[in-house]
Amino acid sequence: MNTLELNQHDITFINQSCSKQQAIKTVAENMIAANLVKTDYVQAMFDRDEQISTFLGNGIAIPHGTTEKRDSVLKTGVHVLFCPQGIVWDDEGNIAYVIIGIAAKANEHLNVLRQLTHAVIAEDTLARIKKVQTPADLLAILQAQND
């Protein structure tokens, strides 16, 4: 997985407030429905987030499972939730608007993280996220494309 391979079917907009737990559960259920992971991967995502915050920066969180549950990954892939209201993600008060669930059979997720780094470090990312209206808007940000 050399690039962040997303399409509109991989992005779900949540137009109501929700908790971090609800967001992780929803993104995990979408990953299960897409045949990326087995059902026990949900708990692995919660376990990972308890070990260390999965907040990446600039309004982006990347919940993913523990390495012990890699056998629960059926296929490497991602699913994205967009929450325009934002979700308090950690004890430091970081707000996540974009939740990217990652499933990786080995270390393929590192390529996804490298690509996301461009979005995270861009000074205008958070401002652009707050203007997102469509999945195409969000894809452009995540794939580090300019307006």
N, C-alpha and C. Protein backbone atom coordinates (compact mmCIF):
# COMPACT_ATOMS: atom_id res chain seq x y z
N MET A 1 0.86 -1.17 0.00
CA MET A 1 0.00 0.00 0.00
C MET A 1 0.90 1.23 0.00
N ASN A 2 1.27 1.67 -1.18
CA ASN A 2 2.21 2.77 -1.28
C ASN A 2 1.56 4.13 -1.15
N THR A 3 0.29 4.24 -1.46
CA THR A 3 -0.42 5.49 -1.29
C THR A 3 -1.68 5.24 -0.48
N LEU A 4 -2.24 6.31 0.02
CA LEU A 4 -3.46 6.20 0.78
C LEU A 4 -4.59 5.95 -0.21
N GLU A 5 -4.96 4.70 -0.37
CA GLU A 5 -5.95 4.31 -1.36
C GLU A 5 -7.34 4.43 -0.75
N LEU A 6 -7.97 5.55 -1.03
CA LEU A 6 -9.31 5.81 -0.53
C LEU A 6 -10.23 6.16 -1.67
N ASN A 7 -11.49 5.86 -1.46
CA ASN A 7 -12.51 6.39 -2.35
C ASN A 7 -13.70 6.81 -1.48
N GLN A 8 -14.71 7.34 -2.08
CA GLN A 8 -15.83 7.88 -1.31
C GLN A 8 -16.52 6.82 -0.45
N HIS A 9 -16.44 5.57 -0.84
CA HIS A 9 -17.07 4.49 -0.05
C HIS A 9 -16.31 4.22 1.24
N ASP A 10 -15.08 4.70 1.33
CA ASP A 10 -14.26 4.50 2.53
C ASP A 10 -14.45 5.60 3.57
N ILE A 11 -15.28 6.60 3.24
CA ILE A 11 -15.46 7.75 4.12
C ILE A 11 -16.91 7.83 4.58
N THR A 12 -17.08 7.96 5.89
CA THR A 12 -18.41 8.11 6.49
C THR A 12 -18.46 9.44 7.22
N PHE A 13 -19.47 10.23 6.93
CA PHE A 13 -19.69 11.49 7.65
C PHE A 13 -20.62 11.22 8.82
N ILE A 14 -20.25 11.71 10.00
CA ILE A 14 -21.07 11.60 11.20
C ILE A 14 -21.55 13.01 11.51
N ASN A 15 -22.82 13.29 11.28
CA ASN A 15 -23.33 14.64 11.45
C ASN A 15 -24.02 14.84 12.79
N GLN A 16 -23.54 14.16 13.79
CA GLN A 16 -24.04 14.33 15.15
C GLN A 16 -22.85 14.15 16.08
N SER A 17 -22.99 14.66 17.29
CA SER A 17 -21.87 14.50 18.22
C SER A 17 -21.76 13.05 18.64
N CYS A 18 -20.53 12.63 18.89
CA CYS A 18 -20.30 11.28 19.37
C CYS A 18 -19.03 11.27 20.21
N SER A 19 -18.88 10.23 20.98
CA SER A 19 -17.70 10.08 21.84
C SER A 19 -16.58 9.40 21.07
N LYS A 20 -15.39 9.44 21.64
CA LYS A 20 -14.26 8.73 21.05
C LYS A 20 -14.57 7.24 20.95
N GLN A 21 -15.17 6.68 22.00
CA GLN A 21 -15.50 5.25 21.99
C GLN A 21 -16.47 4.92 20.86
N GLN A 22 -17.49 5.78 20.67
CA GLN A 22 -18.44 5.55 19.58
C GLN A 22 -17.75 5.64 18.22
N ALA A 23 -16.85 6.61 18.09
CA ALA A 23 -16.13 6.79 16.82
C ALA A 23 -15.26 5.58 16.51
N ILE A 24 -14.51 5.10 17.50
CA ILE A 24 -13.66 3.93 17.27
C ILE A 24 -14.52 2.72 16.92
N LYS A 25 -15.62 2.55 17.63
CA LYS A 25 -16.51 1.41 17.36
C LYS A 25 -17.09 1.51 15.95
N THR A 26 -17.51 2.70 15.55
CA THR A 26 -18.09 2.88 14.22
C THR A 26 -17.07 2.62 13.13
N VAL A 27 -15.86 3.18 13.27
CA VAL A 27 -14.86 2.96 12.23
C VAL A 27 -14.47 1.48 12.18
N ALA A 28 -14.41 0.82 13.33
CA ALA A 28 -14.09 -0.61 13.36
C ALA A 28 -15.20 -1.42 12.69
N GLU A 29 -16.45 -1.08 12.97
CA GLU A 29 -17.57 -1.79 12.33
C GLU A 29 -17.55 -1.61 10.83
N ASN A 30 -17.18 -0.42 10.36
CA ASN A 30 -17.07 -0.19 8.92
C ASN A 30 -15.93 -1.02 8.32
N MET A 31 -14.86 -1.18 9.08
CA MET A 31 -13.74 -2.00 8.61
C MET A 31 -14.14 -3.48 8.57
N ILE A 32 -14.95 -3.90 9.53
CA ILE A 32 -15.46 -5.28 9.53
C ILE A 32 -16.37 -5.48 8.31
N ALA A 33 -17.27 -4.53 8.07
CA ALA A 33 -18.18 -4.63 6.93
C ALA A 33 -17.44 -4.65 5.60
N ALA A 34 -16.28 -4.00 5.55
CA ALA A 34 -15.46 -3.97 4.33
C ALA A 34 -14.54 -5.18 4.23
N ASN A 35 -14.68 -6.13 5.16
CA ASN A 35 -13.85 -7.34 5.19
C ASN A 35 -12.37 -7.05 5.33
N LEU A 36 -12.05 -5.99 6.08
CA LEU A 36 -10.65 -5.68 6.35
C LEU A 36 -10.18 -6.39 7.61
N VAL A 37 -11.08 -6.54 8.61
CA VAL A 37 -10.71 -7.11 9.90
C VAL A 37 -11.79 -8.03 10.43
N LYS A 38 -11.39 -8.88 11.38
CA LYS A 38 -12.33 -9.74 12.10
C LYS A 38 -12.96 -8.93 13.24
N THR A 39 -14.01 -9.47 13.82
CA THR A 39 -14.75 -8.74 14.86
C THR A 39 -13.92 -8.45 16.10
N ASP A 40 -12.94 -9.28 16.44
CA ASP A 40 -12.16 -9.03 17.64
C ASP A 40 -11.17 -7.87 17.49
N TYR A 41 -11.06 -7.32 16.29
CA TYR A 41 -10.18 -6.18 16.07
C TYR A 41 -10.70 -4.92 16.76
N VAL A 42 -11.99 -4.85 17.00
CA VAL A 42 -12.59 -3.71 17.69
C VAL A 42 -11.91 -3.52 19.05
N GLN A 43 -11.85 -4.59 19.83
CA GLN A 43 -11.23 -4.50 21.15
C GLN A 43 -9.74 -4.16 21.04
N ALA A 44 -9.09 -4.68 20.01
CA ALA A 44 -7.67 -4.38 19.81
C ALA A 44 -7.46 -2.89 19.56
N MET A 45 -8.41 -2.25 18.89
CA MET A 45 -8.32 -0.81 18.65
C MET A 45 -8.48 -0.04 19.96
N PHE A 46 -9.42 -0.47 20.80
CA PHE A 46 -9.58 0.16 22.12
C PHE A 46 -8.32 -0.05 22.96
N ASP A 47 -7.79 -1.27 22.93
CA ASP A 47 -6.59 -1.59 23.70
C ASP A 47 -5.41 -0.71 23.28
N ARG A 48 -5.24 -0.54 21.99
CA ARG A 48 -4.14 0.28 21.47
C ARG A 48 -4.27 1.72 21.94
N ASP A 49 -5.49 2.25 21.88
CA ASP A 49 -5.68 3.64 22.27
C ASP A 49 -5.47 3.84 23.78
N GLU A 50 -5.70 2.79 24.57
CA GLU A 50 -5.43 2.88 26.00
C GLU A 50 -3.92 2.89 26.27
N GLN A 51 -3.15 2.20 25.42
CA GLN A 51 -1.70 2.15 25.59
C GLN A 51 -1.07 3.52 25.34
N ILE A 52 -1.51 4.16 24.27
CA ILE A 52 -0.98 5.48 23.88
C ILE A 52 -2.01 6.15 22.98
N SER A 53 -2.16 7.45 23.14
CA SER A 53 -3.14 8.17 22.33
C SER A 53 -2.86 7.97 20.85
N THR A 54 -3.92 7.77 20.10
CA THR A 54 -3.80 7.61 18.65
C THR A 54 -4.07 8.93 17.93
N PHE A 55 -4.05 10.04 18.67
CA PHE A 55 -4.19 11.35 18.05
C PHE A 55 -2.89 11.67 17.32
N LEU A 56 -2.99 12.01 16.04
CA LEU A 56 -1.80 12.26 15.23
C LEU A 56 -1.45 13.74 15.21
N GLY A 57 -2.47 14.59 15.17
CA GLY A 57 -2.24 16.03 15.12
C GLY A 57 -3.14 16.68 14.10
N ASN A 58 -3.30 18.01 14.19
CA ASN A 58 -4.08 18.79 13.23
C ASN A 58 -5.48 18.22 12.98
N GLY A 59 -6.13 17.74 14.03
CA GLY A 59 -7.50 17.26 13.91
C GLY A 59 -7.64 15.84 13.40
N ILE A 60 -6.53 15.09 13.33
CA ILE A 60 -6.55 13.73 12.77
C ILE A 60 -6.15 12.71 13.83
N ALA A 61 -6.96 11.66 13.97
CA ALA A 61 -6.64 10.53 14.85
C ALA A 61 -6.57 9.27 14.00
N ILE A 62 -5.74 8.32 14.45
CA ILE A 62 -5.53 7.10 13.66
C ILE A 62 -5.68 5.85 14.53
N PRO A 63 -6.90 5.56 14.97
CA PRO A 63 -7.06 4.34 15.77
C PRO A 63 -6.70 3.10 14.95
N HIS A 64 -5.99 2.21 15.59
CA HIS A 64 -5.58 0.95 14.95
C HIS A 64 -5.37 -0.08 16.04
N GLY A 65 -5.27 -1.32 15.65
CA GLY A 65 -5.15 -2.40 16.62
C GLY A 65 -3.74 -2.60 17.14
N THR A 66 -3.65 -3.45 18.13
CA THR A 66 -2.35 -3.82 18.70
C THR A 66 -1.64 -4.80 17.78
N THR A 67 -0.33 -4.87 17.89
CA THR A 67 0.42 -5.81 17.07
C THR A 67 0.04 -7.26 17.39
N GLU A 68 -0.40 -7.50 18.61
CA GLU A 68 -0.81 -8.86 19.00
C GLU A 68 -2.04 -9.34 18.22
N LYS A 69 -2.79 -8.42 17.65
CA LYS A 69 -4.01 -8.79 16.92
C LYS A 69 -3.86 -8.67 15.40
N ARG A 70 -2.62 -8.65 14.93
CA ARG A 70 -2.43 -8.58 13.47
C ARG A 70 -3.08 -9.75 12.75
N ASP A 71 -3.22 -10.89 13.44
CA ASP A 71 -3.88 -12.04 12.81
C ASP A 71 -5.37 -11.79 12.59
N SER A 72 -5.90 -10.73 13.18
CA SER A 72 -7.31 -10.36 12.97
C SER A 72 -7.50 -9.47 11.75
N VAL A 73 -6.40 -9.06 11.14
CA VAL A 73 -6.46 -8.25 9.92
C VAL A 73 -6.57 -9.20 8.73
N LEU A 74 -7.64 -9.05 7.98
CA LEU A 74 -7.85 -9.89 6.80
C LEU A 74 -7.18 -9.29 5.56
N LYS A 75 -7.18 -7.96 5.51
CA LYS A 75 -6.63 -7.25 4.37
C LYS A 75 -6.22 -5.85 4.83
N THR A 76 -5.07 -5.39 4.40
CA THR A 76 -4.63 -4.05 4.75
C THR A 76 -5.54 -3.02 4.10
N GLY A 77 -5.94 -2.05 4.89
CA GLY A 77 -6.80 -0.99 4.37
C GLY A 77 -7.13 0.03 5.43
N VAL A 78 -7.88 1.04 5.03
CA VAL A 78 -8.29 2.11 5.94
C VAL A 78 -9.76 2.42 5.74
N HIS A 79 -10.35 2.98 6.78
CA HIS A 79 -11.69 3.55 6.69
C HIS A 79 -11.68 4.85 7.47
N VAL A 80 -12.41 5.84 6.99
CA VAL A 80 -12.36 7.17 7.57
C VAL A 80 -13.74 7.60 8.06
N LEU A 81 -13.76 8.22 9.23
CA LEU A 81 -14.95 8.91 9.74
C LEU A 81 -14.62 10.39 9.74
N PHE A 82 -15.59 11.20 9.36
CA PHE A 82 -15.44 12.65 9.46
C PHE A 82 -16.52 13.16 10.40
N CYS A 83 -16.09 13.81 11.47
CA CYS A 83 -16.99 14.34 12.50
C CYS A 83 -16.81 15.85 12.56
N PRO A 84 -17.64 16.62 11.85
CA PRO A 84 -17.44 18.07 11.80
C PRO A 84 -17.53 18.77 13.16
N GLN A 85 -18.23 18.16 14.14
CA GLN A 85 -18.32 18.76 15.47
C GLN A 85 -17.05 18.54 16.27
N GLY A 86 -16.25 17.58 15.88
CA GLY A 86 -15.03 17.26 16.60
C GLY A 86 -15.30 16.39 17.81
N ILE A 87 -14.29 15.64 18.21
CA ILE A 87 -14.36 14.72 19.34
C ILE A 87 -13.14 14.97 20.22
N VAL A 88 -13.35 15.17 21.51
CA VAL A 88 -12.21 15.27 22.41
C VAL A 88 -11.55 13.89 22.43
N TRP A 89 -10.29 13.84 21.99
CA TRP A 89 -9.66 12.55 21.76
C TRP A 89 -8.80 12.05 22.92
N ASP A 90 -8.27 12.95 23.72
CA ASP A 90 -7.37 12.48 24.77
C ASP A 90 -7.42 13.42 25.97
N ASP A 91 -6.67 13.06 26.99
CA ASP A 91 -6.64 13.85 28.22
C ASP A 91 -6.02 15.23 28.03
N GLU A 92 -5.33 15.42 26.94
CA GLU A 92 -4.73 16.73 26.66
C GLU A 92 -5.70 17.66 25.95
N GLY A 93 -6.92 17.17 25.67
CA GLY A 93 -7.94 17.99 25.04
C GLY A 93 -7.82 18.13 23.54
N ASN A 94 -7.01 17.30 22.90
CA ASN A 94 -6.91 17.33 21.45
C ASN A 94 -8.24 16.96 20.82
N ILE A 95 -8.62 17.69 19.78
CA ILE A 95 -9.89 17.46 19.10
C ILE A 95 -9.64 16.78 17.76
N ALA A 96 -10.31 15.66 17.54
CA ALA A 96 -10.21 14.94 16.26
C ALA A 96 -11.48 15.18 15.45
N TYR A 97 -11.30 15.53 14.20
CA TYR A 97 -12.39 15.69 13.25
C TYR A 97 -12.37 14.55 12.23
N VAL A 98 -11.17 14.06 11.97
CA VAL A 98 -10.95 12.99 11.00
C VAL A 98 -10.39 11.80 11.75
N ILE A 99 -11.13 10.68 11.69
CA ILE A 99 -10.72 9.46 12.38
C ILE A 99 -10.43 8.43 11.30
N ILE A 100 -9.17 8.02 11.22
CA ILE A 100 -8.76 7.08 10.18
C ILE A 100 -8.43 5.75 10.83
N GLY A 101 -9.32 4.79 10.66
CA GLY A 101 -9.07 3.45 11.16
C GLY A 101 -8.12 2.73 10.22
N ILE A 102 -7.07 2.18 10.78
CA ILE A 102 -6.04 1.51 9.97
C ILE A 102 -5.97 0.04 10.34
N ALA A 103 -5.97 -0.81 9.30
CA ALA A 103 -5.76 -2.25 9.47
C ALA A 103 -4.55 -2.60 8.61
N ALA A 104 -3.56 -3.21 9.23
CA ALA A 104 -2.34 -3.57 8.48
C ALA A 104 -1.89 -4.96 8.88
N LYS A 105 -1.63 -5.80 7.88
CA LYS A 105 -1.19 -7.16 8.14
C LYS A 105 0.26 -7.19 8.61
N ALA A 106 1.07 -6.26 8.15
CA ALA A 106 2.47 -6.20 8.58
C ALA A 106 2.79 -4.75 8.89
N ASN A 107 3.73 -4.18 8.17
CA ASN A 107 4.10 -2.79 8.41
C ASN A 107 3.62 -1.85 7.31
N GLU A 108 2.63 -2.29 6.52
CA GLU A 108 2.13 -1.45 5.43
C GLU A 108 1.57 -0.13 5.95
N HIS A 109 1.11 -0.12 7.19
CA HIS A 109 0.53 1.10 7.74
C HIS A 109 1.56 2.23 7.84
N LEU A 110 2.84 1.88 7.83
CA LEU A 110 3.86 2.91 7.90
C LEU A 110 3.84 3.80 6.65
N ASN A 111 3.53 3.22 5.50
CA ASN A 111 3.40 4.02 4.27
C ASN A 111 2.21 4.96 4.37
N VAL A 112 1.11 4.49 4.96
CA VAL A 112 -0.06 5.33 5.15
C VAL A 112 0.30 6.48 6.09
N LEU A 113 1.00 6.17 7.18
CA LEU A 113 1.39 7.20 8.13
C LEU A 113 2.33 8.23 7.50
N ARG A 114 3.25 7.78 6.64
CA ARG A 114 4.13 8.72 5.97
C ARG A 114 3.33 9.69 5.12
N GLN A 115 2.35 9.17 4.41
CA GLN A 115 1.53 10.05 3.57
C GLN A 115 0.71 11.01 4.42
N LEU A 116 0.16 10.52 5.52
CA LEU A 116 -0.64 11.37 6.39
C LEU A 116 0.20 12.46 7.05
N THR A 117 1.48 12.20 7.21
CA THR A 117 2.36 13.19 7.82
C THR A 117 2.31 14.50 7.06
N HIS A 118 2.21 14.44 5.74
CA HIS A 118 2.14 15.67 4.94
C HIS A 118 0.90 16.48 5.31
N ALA A 119 -0.23 15.80 5.50
CA ALA A 119 -1.46 16.50 5.89
C ALA A 119 -1.33 17.05 7.30
N VAL A 120 -0.71 16.28 8.18
CA VAL A 120 -0.61 16.69 9.58
C VAL A 120 0.31 17.91 9.75
N ILE A 121 1.39 17.98 8.99
CA ILE A 121 2.33 19.07 9.20
C ILE A 121 1.97 20.33 8.42
N ALA A 122 1.09 20.23 7.44
CA ALA A 122 0.70 21.41 6.67
C ALA A 122 -0.02 22.41 7.59
N GLU A 123 0.42 23.65 7.55
CA GLU A 123 -0.13 24.66 8.45
C GLU A 123 -1.63 24.89 8.27
N ASP A 124 -2.13 24.69 7.05
CA ASP A 124 -3.54 24.99 6.79
C ASP A 124 -4.46 23.79 6.92
N THR A 125 -3.95 22.64 7.34
CA THR A 125 -4.76 21.43 7.38
C THR A 125 -6.00 21.58 8.25
N LEU A 126 -5.85 22.06 9.46
CA LEU A 126 -7.00 22.18 10.35
C LEU A 126 -8.05 23.13 9.78
N ALA A 127 -7.61 24.24 9.23
CA ALA A 127 -8.55 25.19 8.62
C ALA A 127 -9.28 24.54 7.44
N ARG A 128 -8.55 23.76 6.65
CA ARG A 128 -9.17 23.06 5.51
C ARG A 128 -10.16 21.99 6.00
N ILE A 129 -9.81 21.27 7.07
CA ILE A 129 -10.70 20.25 7.60
C ILE A 129 -12.01 20.88 8.05
N LYS A 130 -11.94 22.04 8.65
CA LYS A 130 -13.15 22.69 9.15
C LYS A 130 -14.05 23.19 8.02
N LYS A 131 -13.54 23.23 6.79
CA LYS A 131 -14.34 23.65 5.63
C LYS A 131 -14.85 22.47 4.80
N VAL A 132 -14.52 21.25 5.20
CA VAL A 132 -14.90 20.07 4.41
C VAL A 132 -16.43 19.98 4.27
N GLN A 133 -16.88 19.78 3.05
CA GLN A 133 -18.30 19.60 2.76
C GLN A 133 -18.60 18.24 2.13
N THR A 134 -17.61 17.68 1.45
CA THR A 134 -17.82 16.44 0.71
C THR A 134 -16.66 15.47 0.94
N PRO A 135 -16.87 14.19 0.65
CA PRO A 135 -15.76 13.25 0.72
C PRO A 135 -14.59 13.65 -0.18
N ALA A 136 -14.87 14.25 -1.32
CA ALA A 136 -13.78 14.69 -2.22
C ALA A 136 -12.93 15.76 -1.54
N ASP A 137 -13.55 16.67 -0.79
CA ASP A 137 -12.80 17.68 -0.05
C ASP A 137 -11.83 17.01 0.93
N LEU A 138 -12.33 16.02 1.64
CA LEU A 138 -11.51 15.34 2.64
C LEU A 138 -10.40 14.52 1.98
N LEU A 139 -10.71 13.87 0.87
CA LEU A 139 -9.69 13.10 0.15
C LEU A 139 -8.53 13.99 -0.27
N ALA A 140 -8.83 15.18 -0.74
CA ALA A 140 -7.78 16.10 -1.18
C ALA A 140 -6.84 16.44 -0.03
N ILE A 141 -7.39 16.62 1.15
CA ILE A 141 -6.56 16.93 2.31
C ILE A 141 -5.70 15.73 2.70
N LEU A 142 -6.33 14.57 2.80
CA LEU A 142 -5.62 13.37 3.24
C LEU A 142 -4.57 12.92 2.25
N GLN A 143 -4.79 13.20 0.99
CA GLN A 143 -3.82 12.82 -0.03
C GLN A 143 -2.85 13.95 -0.32
N ALA A 144 -2.86 14.96 0.57
CA ALA A 144 -1.92 16.09 0.51
C ALA A 144 -1.98 16.82 -0.81
N GLN A 145 -3.21 17.03 -1.28
CA GLN A 145 -3.41 17.81 -2.51
C GLN A 145 -3.83 19.22 -2.12
N ASN A 146 -3.38 20.18 -2.86
CA ASN A 146 -3.76 21.56 -2.60
C ASN A 146 -5.07 21.88 -3.30
N ASP A 147 -5.71 22.95 -2.83
CA ASP A 147 -6.97 23.39 -3.46
C ASP A 147 -6.76 23.70 -4.92
